[in-house]
Amino acid sequence: MNLRKSILALSVVAGIVAAPMTVFAAHTHSWGSPQYYGYEDEMPGIYDDWDKCATRHVYNYKQCLICGEVSIYEVETIEMSHK
């Protein structure tokens, strides 16, 4: 009888401890507002067209308010010119 009570008590404690972790792992992301991350310039190679100029890629990021996961994504691509 004592063994059954111990197993039951352990099951209840394990359920209480595991419940928040399950909710945390199986949530739908609640993204915060987008923030500016930065940019990257892509320079033309030596075999590219001589008239081609740099291409700038602008990035933002967003962070989940629940778990803190960060997602970086491109928002704009700018083709620069020599003019």
PDB file of N, CA and C in Angstrom:
ATOM      1  N   MET A   1       0.819  -1.197   0.000  1.00  0.00           N
ATOM      2  CA  MET A   1       0.000   0.000   0.000  1.00  0.00           C
ATOM      3  C   MET A   1       0.867   1.267   0.000  1.00  0.00           C
ATOM      4  N   ASN A   2       1.946   1.227   0.777  1.00  0.00           N
ATOM      5  CA  ASN A   2       2.850   2.375   0.805  1.00  0.00           C
ATOM      6  C   ASN A   2       3.492   2.627  -0.551  1.00  0.00           C
ATOM      7  N   LEU A   3       3.806   1.551  -1.259  1.00  0.00           N
ATOM      8  CA  LEU A   3       4.414   1.677  -2.581  1.00  0.00           C
ATOM      9  C   LEU A   3       3.465   2.370  -3.553  1.00  0.00           C
ATOM     10  N   ARG A   4       2.194   2.013  -3.483  1.00  0.00           N
ATOM     11  CA  ARG A   4       1.194   2.644  -4.362  1.00  0.00           C
ATOM     12  C   ARG A   4       1.075   4.136  -4.071  1.00  0.00           C
ATOM     13  N   LYS A   5       1.053   4.500  -2.800  1.00  0.00           N
ATOM     14  CA  LYS A   5       0.950   5.916  -2.426  1.00  0.00           C
ATOM     15  C   LYS A   5       2.194   6.687  -2.881  1.00  0.00           C
ATOM     16  N   SER A   6       3.346   6.046  -2.753  1.00  0.00           N
ATOM     17  CA  SER A   6       4.588   6.700  -3.181  1.00  0.00           C
ATOM     18  C   SER A   6       4.596   6.926  -4.688  1.00  0.00           C
ATOM     19  N   ILE A   7       4.165   5.906  -5.431  1.00  0.00           N
ATOM     20  CA  ILE A   7       4.113   6.030  -6.888  1.00  0.00           C
ATOM     21  C   ILE A   7       3.106   7.091  -7.299  1.00  0.00           C
ATOM     22  N   LEU A   8       1.950   7.118  -6.654  1.00  0.00           N
ATOM     23  CA  LEU A   8       0.926   8.121  -6.954  1.00  0.00           C
ATOM     24  C   LEU A   8       1.442   9.531  -6.653  1.00  0.00           C
ATOM     25  N   ALA A   9       2.098   9.694  -5.491  1.00  0.00           N
ATOM     26  CA  ALA A   9       2.633  11.007  -5.119  1.00  0.00           C
ATOM     27  C   ALA A   9       3.711  11.448  -6.115  1.00  0.00           C
ATOM     28  N   LEU A  10       4.569  10.515  -6.509  1.00  0.00           N
ATOM     29  CA  LEU A  10       5.609  10.837  -7.483  1.00  0.00           C
ATOM     30  C   LEU A  10       5.009  11.225  -8.828  1.00  0.00           C
ATOM     31  N   SER A  11       3.942  10.542  -9.240  1.00  0.00           N
ATOM     32  CA  SER A  11       3.268  10.866 -10.502  1.00  0.00           C
ATOM     33  C   SER A  11       2.662  12.265 -10.458  1.00  0.00           C
ATOM     34  N   VAL A  12       2.048  12.613  -9.342  1.00  0.00           N
ATOM     35  CA  VAL A  12       1.435  13.939  -9.201  1.00  0.00           C
ATOM     36  C   VAL A  12       2.511  15.025  -9.247  1.00  0.00           C
ATOM     37  N   VAL A  13       3.602  14.813  -8.511  1.00  0.00           N
ATOM     38  CA  VAL A  13       4.684  15.799  -8.496  1.00  0.00           C
ATOM     39  C   VAL A  13       5.300  15.939  -9.890  1.00  0.00           C
ATOM     40  N   ALA A  14       5.532  14.821 -10.572  1.00  0.00           N
ATOM     41  CA  ALA A  14       6.098  14.866 -11.924  1.00  0.00           C
ATOM     42  C   ALA A  14       5.159  15.592 -12.877  1.00  0.00           C
ATOM     43  N   GLY A  15       3.848  15.386 -12.748  1.00  0.00           N
ATOM     44  CA  GLY A  15       2.873  16.077 -13.589  1.00  0.00           C
ATOM     45  C   GLY A  15       2.874  17.572 -13.357  1.00  0.00           C
ATOM     46  N   ILE A  16       2.988  17.969 -12.099  1.00  0.00           N
ATOM     47  CA  ILE A  16       3.005  19.397 -11.764  1.00  0.00           C
ATOM     48  C   ILE A  16       4.273  20.060 -12.303  1.00  0.00           C
ATOM     49  N   VAL A  17       5.395  19.364 -12.185  1.00  0.00           N
ATOM     50  CA  VAL A  17       6.661  19.918 -12.671  1.00  0.00           C
ATOM     51  C   VAL A  17       6.694  19.957 -14.195  1.00  0.00           C
ATOM     52  N   ALA A  18       6.160  18.935 -14.860  1.00  0.00           N
ATOM     53  CA  ALA A  18       6.249  18.831 -16.321  1.00  0.00           C
ATOM     54  C   ALA A  18       5.235  19.700 -17.054  1.00  0.00           C
ATOM     55  N   ALA A  19       4.140  20.067 -16.423  1.00  0.00           N
ATOM     56  CA  ALA A  19       3.081  20.828 -17.101  1.00  0.00           C
ATOM     57  C   ALA A  19       3.576  22.161 -17.672  1.00  0.00           C
ATOM     58  N   PRO A  20       4.272  22.988 -16.903  1.00  0.00           N
ATOM     59  CA  PRO A  20       4.742  24.254 -17.493  1.00  0.00           C
ATOM     60  C   PRO A  20       5.726  24.050 -18.639  1.00  0.00           C
ATOM     61  N   MET A  21       6.557  23.018 -18.548  1.00  0.00           N
ATOM     62  CA  MET A  21       7.517  22.757 -19.620  1.00  0.00           C
ATOM     63  C   MET A  21       6.803  22.334 -20.898  1.00  0.00           C
ATOM     64  N   THR A  22       5.731  21.590 -20.771  1.00  0.00           N
ATOM     65  CA  THR A  22       4.964  21.157 -21.940  1.00  0.00           C
ATOM     66  C   THR A  22       4.314  22.361 -22.614  1.00  0.00           C
ATOM     67  N   VAL A  23       3.735  23.239 -21.829  1.00  0.00           N
ATOM     68  CA  VAL A  23       3.115  24.449 -22.377  1.00  0.00           C
ATOM     69  C   VAL A  23       4.175  25.311 -23.050  1.00  0.00           C
ATOM     70  N   PHE A  24       5.341  25.424 -22.439  1.00  0.00           N
ATOM     71  CA  PHE A  24       6.424  26.232 -22.997  1.00  0.00           C
ATOM     72  C   PHE A  24       6.888  25.670 -24.335  1.00  0.00           C
ATOM     73  N   ALA A  25       7.007  24.358 -24.435  1.00  0.00           N
ATOM     74  CA  ALA A  25       7.524  23.741 -25.657  1.00  0.00           C
ATOM     75  C   ALA A  25       6.502  23.732 -26.781  1.00  0.00           C
ATOM     76  N   ALA A  26       5.224  23.672 -26.462  1.00  0.00           N
ATOM     77  CA  ALA A  26       4.189  23.515 -27.489  1.00  0.00           C
ATOM     78  C   ALA A  26       3.356  24.778 -27.650  1.00  0.00           C
ATOM     79  N   HIS A  27       3.978  25.930 -27.598  1.00  0.00           N
ATOM     80  CA  HIS A  27       3.216  27.170 -27.729  1.00  0.00           C
ATOM     81  C   HIS A  27       3.248  27.683 -29.163  1.00  0.00           C
ATOM     82  N   THR A  28       2.314  28.551 -29.456  1.00  0.00           N
ATOM     83  CA  THR A  28       2.328  29.293 -30.713  1.00  0.00           C
ATOM     84  C   THR A  28       3.100  30.578 -30.435  1.00  0.00           C
ATOM     85  N   HIS A  29       4.050  30.900 -31.288  1.00  0.00           N
ATOM     86  CA  HIS A  29       4.892  32.070 -31.029  1.00  0.00           C
ATOM     87  C   HIS A  29       4.058  33.344 -30.978  1.00  0.00           C
ATOM     88  N   SER A  30       4.375  34.168 -30.028  1.00  0.00           N
ATOM     89  CA  SER A  30       3.777  35.489 -29.896  1.00  0.00           C
ATOM     90  C   SER A  30       4.900  36.488 -30.175  1.00  0.00           C
ATOM     91  N   TRP A  31       4.990  36.923 -31.441  1.00  0.00           N
ATOM     92  CA  TRP A  31       6.118  37.744 -31.864  1.00  0.00           C
ATOM     93  C   TRP A  31       5.964  39.183 -31.402  1.00  0.00           C
ATOM     94  N   GLY A  32       7.057  39.765 -30.961  1.00  0.00           N
ATOM     95  CA  GLY A  32       7.096  41.179 -30.627  1.00  0.00           C
ATOM     96  C   GLY A  32       7.207  42.003 -31.902  1.00  0.00           C
ATOM     97  N   SER A  33       7.334  43.297 -31.746  1.00  0.00           N
ATOM     98  CA  SER A  33       7.413  44.163 -32.928  1.00  0.00           C
ATOM     99  C   SER A  33       8.759  43.969 -33.633  1.00  0.00           C
ATOM    100  N   PRO A  34       8.776  44.116 -34.961  1.00  0.00           N
ATOM    101  CA  PRO A  34      10.025  43.949 -35.713  1.00  0.00           C
ATOM    102  C   PRO A  34      11.051  45.015 -35.327  1.00  0.00           C
ATOM    103  N   GLN A  35      12.297  44.626 -35.262  1.00  0.00           N
ATOM    104  CA  GLN A  35      13.395  45.529 -34.931  1.00  0.00           C
ATOM    105  C   GLN A  35      14.425  45.480 -36.059  1.00  0.00           C
ATOM    106  N   TYR A  36      15.129  46.591 -36.260  1.00  0.00           N
ATOM    107  CA  TYR A  36      16.166  46.656 -37.292  1.00  0.00           C
ATOM    108  C   TYR A  36      17.347  45.787 -36.865  1.00  0.00           C
ATOM    109  N   TYR A  37      17.836  44.938 -37.766  1.00  0.00           N
ATOM    110  CA  TYR A  37      18.961  44.051 -37.466  1.00  0.00           C
ATOM    111  C   TYR A  37      20.259  44.549 -38.103  1.00  0.00           C
ATOM    112  N   GLY A  38      20.184  44.990 -39.346  1.00  0.00           N
ATOM    113  CA  GLY A  38      21.395  45.459 -40.019  1.00  0.00           C
ATOM    114  C   GLY A  38      21.302  45.239 -41.514  1.00  0.00           C
ATOM    115  N   TYR A  39      22.425  45.386 -42.183  1.00  0.00           N
ATOM    116  CA  TYR A  39      22.445  45.201 -43.635  1.00  0.00           C
ATOM    117  C   TYR A  39      23.723  44.480 -44.039  1.00  0.00           C
ATOM    118  N   GLU A  40      23.702  43.973 -45.248  1.00  0.00           N
ATOM    119  CA  GLU A  40      24.868  43.306 -45.819  1.00  0.00           C
ATOM    120  C   GLU A  40      24.977  43.756 -47.270  1.00  0.00           C
ATOM    121  N   ASP A  41      26.169  44.167 -47.668  1.00  0.00           N
ATOM    122  CA  ASP A  41      26.401  44.570 -49.055  1.00  0.00           C
ATOM    123  C   ASP A  41      27.022  43.413 -49.821  1.00  0.00           C
ATOM    124  N   GLU A  42      26.442  43.129 -50.969  1.00  0.00           N
ATOM    125  CA  GLU A  42      26.950  42.075 -51.848  1.00  0.00           C
ATOM    126  C   GLU A  42      27.654  42.761 -53.011  1.00  0.00           C
ATOM    127  N   MET A  43      28.950  42.591 -53.083  1.00  0.00           N
ATOM    128  CA  MET A  43      29.737  43.241 -54.130  1.00  0.00           C
ATOM    129  C   MET A  43      29.783  42.356 -55.370  1.00  0.00           C
ATOM    130  N   PRO A  44      29.848  42.960 -56.557  1.00  0.00           N
ATOM    131  CA  PRO A  44      29.943  42.148 -57.776  1.00  0.00           C
ATOM    132  C   PRO A  44      31.294  41.444 -57.847  1.00  0.00           C
ATOM    133  N   GLY A  45      31.293  40.273 -58.447  1.00  0.00           N
ATOM    134  CA  GLY A  45      32.532  39.519 -58.611  1.00  0.00           C
ATOM    135  C   GLY A  45      33.352  40.038 -59.777  1.00  0.00           C
ATOM    136  N   ILE A  46      34.547  39.529 -59.918  1.00  0.00           N
ATOM    137  CA  ILE A  46      35.432  40.019 -60.981  1.00  0.00           C
ATOM    138  C   ILE A  46      34.944  39.609 -62.367  1.00  0.00           C
ATOM    139  N   TYR A  47      34.118  38.579 -62.444  1.00  0.00           N
ATOM    140  CA  TYR A  47      33.611  38.124 -63.743  1.00  0.00           C
ATOM    141  C   TYR A  47      32.206  38.652 -64.052  1.00  0.00           C
ATOM    142  N   ASP A  48      31.644  39.471 -63.143  1.00  0.00           N
ATOM    143  CA  ASP A  48      30.311  40.041 -63.378  1.00  0.00           C
ATOM    144  C   ASP A  48      30.394  41.211 -64.352  1.00  0.00           C
ATOM    145  N   ASP A  49      29.226  41.677 -64.733  1.00  0.00           N
ATOM    146  CA  ASP A  49      29.110  42.829 -65.632  1.00  0.00           C
ATOM    147  C   ASP A  49      29.778  44.050 -64.985  1.00  0.00           C
ATOM    148  N   TRP A  50      30.556  44.821 -65.759  1.00  0.00           N
ATOM    149  CA  TRP A  50      31.269  45.972 -65.228  1.00  0.00           C
ATOM    150  C   TRP A  50      30.328  47.074 -64.763  1.00  0.00           C
ATOM    151  N   ASP A  51      29.126  47.120 -65.307  1.00  0.00           N
ATOM    152  CA  ASP A  51      28.172  48.158 -64.921  1.00  0.00           C
ATOM    153  C   ASP A  51      27.422  47.806 -63.639  1.00  0.00           C
ATOM    154  N   LYS A  52      27.576  46.581 -63.188  1.00  0.00           N
ATOM    155  CA  LYS A  52      26.858  46.161 -61.983  1.00  0.00           C
ATOM    156  C   LYS A  52      27.506  46.800 -60.754  1.00  0.00           C
ATOM    157  N   CYS A  53      26.668  47.232 -59.834  1.00  0.00           N
ATOM    158  CA  CYS A  53      27.152  47.831 -58.598  1.00  0.00           C
ATOM    159  C   CYS A  53      26.745  46.929 -57.427  1.00  0.00           C
ATOM    160  N   ALA A  54      26.972  47.373 -56.230  1.00  0.00           N
ATOM    161  CA  ALA A  54      26.668  46.569 -55.044  1.00  0.00           C
ATOM    162  C   ALA A  54      25.161  46.400 -54.855  1.00  0.00           C
ATOM    163  N   THR A  55      24.801  45.333 -54.197  1.00  0.00           N
ATOM    164  CA  THR A  55      23.414  45.073 -53.813  1.00  0.00           C
ATOM    165  C   THR A  55      23.361  45.062 -52.297  1.00  0.00           C
ATOM    166  N   ARG A  56      22.458  45.834 -51.720  1.00  0.00           N
ATOM    167  CA  ARG A  56      22.331  45.897 -50.262  1.00  0.00           C
ATOM    168  C   ARG A  56      21.097  45.115 -49.827  1.00  0.00           C
ATOM    169  N   HIS A  57      21.290  44.234 -48.851  1.00  0.00           N
ATOM    170  CA  HIS A  57      20.197  43.462 -48.262  1.00  0.00           C
ATOM    171  C   HIS A  57      19.973  43.992 -46.842  1.00  0.00           C
ATOM    172  N   VAL A  58      18.742  44.416 -46.554  1.00  0.00           N
ATOM    173  CA  VAL A  58      18.399  44.971 -45.248  1.00  0.00           C
ATOM    174  C   VAL A  58      17.616  43.913 -44.474  1.00  0.00           C
ATOM    175  N   TYR A  59      17.994  43.715 -43.197  1.00  0.00           N
ATOM    176  CA  TYR A  59      17.391  42.668 -42.370  1.00  0.00           C
ATOM    177  C   TYR A  59      16.734  43.248 -41.126  1.00  0.00           C
ATOM    178  N   ASN A  60      15.642  42.641 -40.726  1.00  0.00           N
ATOM    179  CA  ASN A  60      14.990  42.903 -39.447  1.00  0.00           C
ATOM    180  C   ASN A  60      14.975  41.608 -38.651  1.00  0.00           C
ATOM    181  N   TYR A  61      14.643  41.716 -37.388  1.00  0.00           N
ATOM    182  CA  TYR A  61      14.455  40.514 -36.584  1.00  0.00           C
ATOM    183  C   TYR A  61      13.234  40.695 -35.696  1.00  0.00           C
ATOM    184  N   LYS A  62      12.693  39.575 -35.263  1.00  0.00           N
ATOM    185  CA  LYS A  62      11.598  39.602 -34.299  1.00  0.00           C
ATOM    186  C   LYS A  62      11.878  38.519 -33.273  1.00  0.00           C
ATOM    187  N   GLN A  63      11.393  38.739 -32.051  1.00  0.00           N
ATOM    188  CA  GLN A  63      11.662  37.803 -30.971  1.00  0.00           C
ATOM    189  C   GLN A  63      10.354  37.362 -30.334  1.00  0.00           C
ATOM    190  N   CYS A  64      10.255  36.059 -30.063  1.00  0.00           N
ATOM    191  CA  CYS A  64       9.062  35.516 -29.422  1.00  0.00           C
ATOM    192  C   CYS A  64       9.024  36.006 -27.975  1.00  0.00           C
ATOM    193  N   LEU A  65       7.881  36.511 -27.547  1.00  0.00           N
ATOM    194  CA  LEU A  65       7.737  37.036 -26.193  1.00  0.00           C
ATOM    195  C   LEU A  65       7.624  35.927 -25.160  1.00  0.00           C
ATOM    196  N   ILE A  66       7.365  34.696 -25.591  1.00  0.00           N
ATOM    197  CA  ILE A  66       7.206  33.578 -24.664  1.00  0.00           C
ATOM    198  C   ILE A  66       8.524  32.842 -24.451  1.00  0.00           C
ATOM    199  N   CYS A  67       9.166  32.423 -25.539  1.00  0.00           N
ATOM    200  CA  CYS A  67      10.360  31.582 -25.399  1.00  0.00           C
ATOM    201  C   CYS A  67      11.658  32.302 -25.730  1.00  0.00           C
ATOM    202  N   GLY A  68      11.584  33.459 -26.359  1.00  0.00           N
ATOM    203  CA  GLY A  68      12.793  34.206 -26.677  1.00  0.00           C
ATOM    204  C   GLY A  68      13.441  33.841 -28.002  1.00  0.00           C
ATOM    205  N   GLU A  69      12.810  32.959 -28.793  1.00  0.00           N
ATOM    206  CA  GLU A  69      13.381  32.587 -30.090  1.00  0.00           C
ATOM    207  C   GLU A  69      13.451  33.817 -30.986  1.00  0.00           C
ATOM    208  N   VAL A  70      14.558  33.946 -31.709  1.00  0.00           N
ATOM    209  CA  VAL A  70      14.777  35.094 -32.592  1.00  0.00           C
ATOM    210  C   VAL A  70      14.708  34.635 -34.041  1.00  0.00           C
ATOM    211  N   SER A  71      13.980  35.392 -34.859  1.00  0.00           N
ATOM    212  CA  SER A  71      13.866  35.102 -36.284  1.00  0.00           C
ATOM    213  C   SER A  71      14.379  36.315 -37.060  1.00  0.00           C
ATOM    214  N   ILE A  72      15.395  36.094 -37.902  1.00  0.00           N
ATOM    215  CA  ILE A  72      15.964  37.163 -38.730  1.00  0.00           C
ATOM    216  C   ILE A  72      15.463  36.974 -40.156  1.00  0.00           C
ATOM    217  N   TYR A  73      14.998  38.048 -40.770  1.00  0.00           N
ATOM    218  CA  TYR A  73      14.441  37.946 -42.115  1.00  0.00           C
ATOM    219  C   TYR A  73      14.796  39.197 -42.925  1.00  0.00           C
ATOM    220  N   GLU A  74      14.834  39.020 -44.244  1.00  0.00           N
ATOM    221  CA  GLU A  74      15.171  40.118 -45.151  1.00  0.00           C
ATOM    222  C   GLU A  74      13.919  40.931 -45.461  1.00  0.00           C
ATOM    223  N   VAL A  75      14.033  42.251 -45.359  1.00  0.00           N
ATOM    224  CA  VAL A  75      12.881  43.110 -45.633  1.00  0.00           C
ATOM    225  C   VAL A  75      13.016  43.896 -46.929  1.00  0.00           C
ATOM    226  N   GLU A  76      14.255  44.099 -47.386  1.00  0.00           N
ATOM    227  CA  GLU A  76      14.429  44.929 -48.579  1.00  0.00           C
ATOM    228  C   GLU A  76      15.744  44.574 -49.272  1.00  0.00           C
ATOM    229  N   THR A  77      15.711  44.597 -50.591  1.00  0.00           N
ATOM    230  CA  THR A  77      16.921  44.434 -51.398  1.00  0.00           C
ATOM    231  C   THR A  77      17.047  45.671 -52.275  1.00  0.00           C
ATOM    232  N   ILE A  78      18.175  46.340 -52.181  1.00  0.00           N
ATOM    233  CA  ILE A  78      18.389  47.586 -52.915  1.00  0.00           C
ATOM    234  C   ILE A  78      19.514  47.369 -53.920  1.00  0.00           C
ATOM    235  N   GLU A  79      19.208  47.569 -55.189  1.00  0.00           N
ATOM    236  CA  GLU A  79      20.221  47.507 -56.246  1.00  0.00           C
ATOM    237  C   GLU A  79      20.825  48.902 -56.370  1.00  0.00           C
ATOM    238  N   MET A  80      22.066  49.057 -56.002  1.00  0.00           N
ATOM    239  CA  MET A  80      22.719  50.362 -56.072  1.00  0.00           C
ATOM    240  C   MET A  80      23.219  50.609 -57.493  1.00  0.00           C
ATOM    241  N   SER A  81      23.431  51.883 -57.812  1.00  0.00           N
ATOM    242  CA  SER A  81      23.916  52.222 -59.152  1.00  0.00           C
ATOM    243  C   SER A  81      25.118  53.147 -59.033  1.00  0.00           C
ATOM    244  N   HIS A  82      25.856  53.287 -60.107  1.00  0.00           N
ATOM    245  CA  HIS A  82      27.048  54.137 -60.124  1.00  0.00           C
ATOM    246  C   HIS A  82      26.708  55.609 -60.315  1.00  0.00           C
ATOM    247  N   LYS A  83      25.470  55.923 -60.561  1.00  0.00           N
ATOM    248  CA  LYS A  83      25.071  57.300 -60.869  1.00  0.00           C
ATOM    249  C   LYS A  83      24.950  58.131 -59.634  1.00  0.00           C
TER     250      LYS A  83
END
